[in-house]
Amino acid sequence: MFKYVFKHMFMWWMFMAVKTLTITKDVYDDLVNLKGKDESFSELFRRLANKEKTSLMDFAGIWANMNYKDVKGIKKGMKEFRKSVDKSFNRRLRELKIA
């Protein structure tokens, strides 16, 4: 039985593809922080690649424990962001002479 297991493991490793990725140090540090203690980088990549898309329901109640000041600040930031997007969009329309 040991011979069979060893032969099977050897054949599996023999056909396993290996790729080298070049990443910056900050990306590496982020990946290390995402990686579980006993998880290999291959397992981490597989987990991230297979992760299901986030549902909007995952965020339900996320603001429930925030204080009023924080919520007000977030809403203000969202309003300012929308204004800047509208301004940028209108500028681009003018440049294209659509509006």
Protein backbone atom coordinates (compact mmCIF):
# COMPACT_ATOMS: atom_id res chain seq x y z
CA MET A 1 0.00 0.00 0.00
CA PHE A 2 2.84 2.42 0.82
CA LYS A 3 4.27 1.94 -2.68
CA TYR A 4 0.90 2.77 -4.23
CA VAL A 5 0.46 5.95 -2.14
CA PHE A 6 4.02 7.10 -2.89
CA LYS A 7 3.59 6.40 -6.61
CA HIS A 8 0.29 8.28 -6.67
CA MET A 9 1.76 11.28 -4.82
CA PHE A 10 4.80 11.37 -7.10
CA MET A 11 2.64 11.34 -10.23
CA TRP A 12 0.44 14.11 -8.83
CA TRP A 13 3.41 16.36 -8.08
CA MET A 14 5.02 15.55 -11.39
CA PHE A 15 2.10 17.08 -13.31
CA MET A 16 1.47 20.03 -10.98
CA ALA A 17 1.99 23.38 -12.77
CA VAL A 18 4.07 25.99 -10.96
CA LYS A 19 3.95 29.70 -11.75
CA THR A 20 6.07 32.56 -10.43
CA LEU A 21 4.33 35.84 -9.64
CA THR A 22 6.07 39.15 -9.11
CA ILE A 23 4.35 41.43 -6.61
CA THR A 24 5.36 44.51 -4.69
CA LYS A 25 6.24 44.36 -1.00
CA ASP A 26 3.06 46.14 0.10
CA VAL A 27 0.89 43.66 -1.83
CA TYR A 28 2.85 40.77 -0.30
CA ASP A 29 2.25 42.22 3.19
CA ASP A 30 -1.48 42.51 2.46
CA LEU A 31 -1.57 38.88 1.30
CA VAL A 32 0.27 37.71 4.41
CA ASN A 33 -2.35 39.48 6.54
CA LEU A 34 -5.18 37.78 4.58
CA LYS A 35 -3.57 34.35 4.74
CA GLY A 36 -4.61 32.00 7.50
CA LYS A 37 -1.96 30.70 9.93
CA ASP A 38 -1.87 27.20 8.43
CA GLU A 39 -2.88 28.27 4.90
CA SER A 40 -0.50 28.22 1.93
CA PHE A 41 -0.47 31.06 -0.59
CA SER A 42 -1.96 28.68 -3.17
CA GLU A 43 -4.82 27.94 -0.79
CA LEU A 44 -5.27 31.68 -0.16
CA PHE A 45 -5.43 32.42 -3.90
CA ARG A 46 -7.87 29.57 -4.41
CA ARG A 47 -10.05 30.86 -1.57
CA LEU A 48 -10.02 34.41 -2.95
CA ALA A 49 -10.65 33.26 -6.52
CA ASN A 50 -13.59 31.09 -5.49
CA LYS A 51 -15.10 33.63 -3.14
CA GLU A 52 -18.70 34.27 -4.04
CA LYS A 53 -19.74 37.76 -4.99
CA THR A 54 -20.81 39.82 -2.02
CA SER A 55 -24.51 40.19 -1.61
CA LEU A 56 -26.01 43.52 -0.69
CA MET A 57 -27.61 41.72 2.26
CA ASP A 58 -24.11 41.16 3.71
CA PHE A 59 -24.11 44.86 4.55
CA ALA A 60 -27.56 44.93 6.16
CA GLY A 61 -27.32 46.57 9.58
CA ILE A 62 -23.67 47.57 9.17
CA TRP A 63 -24.41 51.12 10.35
CA ALA A 64 -26.54 49.97 13.28
CA ASN A 65 -23.85 50.56 15.93
CA MET A 66 -22.44 53.80 14.49
CA ASN A 67 -22.97 57.04 16.32
CA TYR A 68 -24.82 59.92 14.68
CA LYS A 69 -21.63 61.93 14.05
CA ASP A 70 -20.04 59.09 12.06
CA VAL A 71 -23.18 58.48 9.99
CA LYS A 72 -23.50 62.21 9.30
CA GLY A 73 -19.86 62.33 8.16
CA ILE A 74 -20.34 59.37 5.83
CA LYS A 75 -23.47 60.89 4.32
CA LYS A 76 -21.65 64.21 3.82
CA GLY A 77 -18.77 62.41 2.08
CA MET A 78 -21.19 60.57 -0.19
CA LYS A 79 -22.93 63.84 -1.11
CA GLU A 80 -19.59 65.53 -1.92
CA PHE A 81 -18.53 62.52 -4.00
CA ARG A 82 -21.76 62.64 -6.02
CA LYS A 83 -21.26 66.36 -6.64
CA SER A 84 -17.72 65.82 -7.90
CA VAL A 85 -18.85 62.99 -10.19
CA ASP A 86 -21.65 65.15 -11.60
CA LYS A 87 -19.26 68.06 -12.14
CA SER A 88 -16.73 65.81 -13.87
CA PHE A 89 -19.43 64.21 -16.03
CA ASN A 90 -20.83 67.58 -17.10
CA ARG A 91 -17.34 68.87 -17.91
CA ARG A 92 -16.69 65.86 -20.10
CA LEU A 93 -20.02 66.31 -21.86
CA ARG A 94 -19.08 69.94 -22.61
CA GLU A 95 -15.70 68.82 -23.93
CA LEU A 96 -17.45 66.39 -26.25
CA LYS A 97 -19.97 69.11 -27.15
CA ILE A 98 -22.89 66.86 -26.26
CA ALA A 99 -24.49 69.20 -23.76
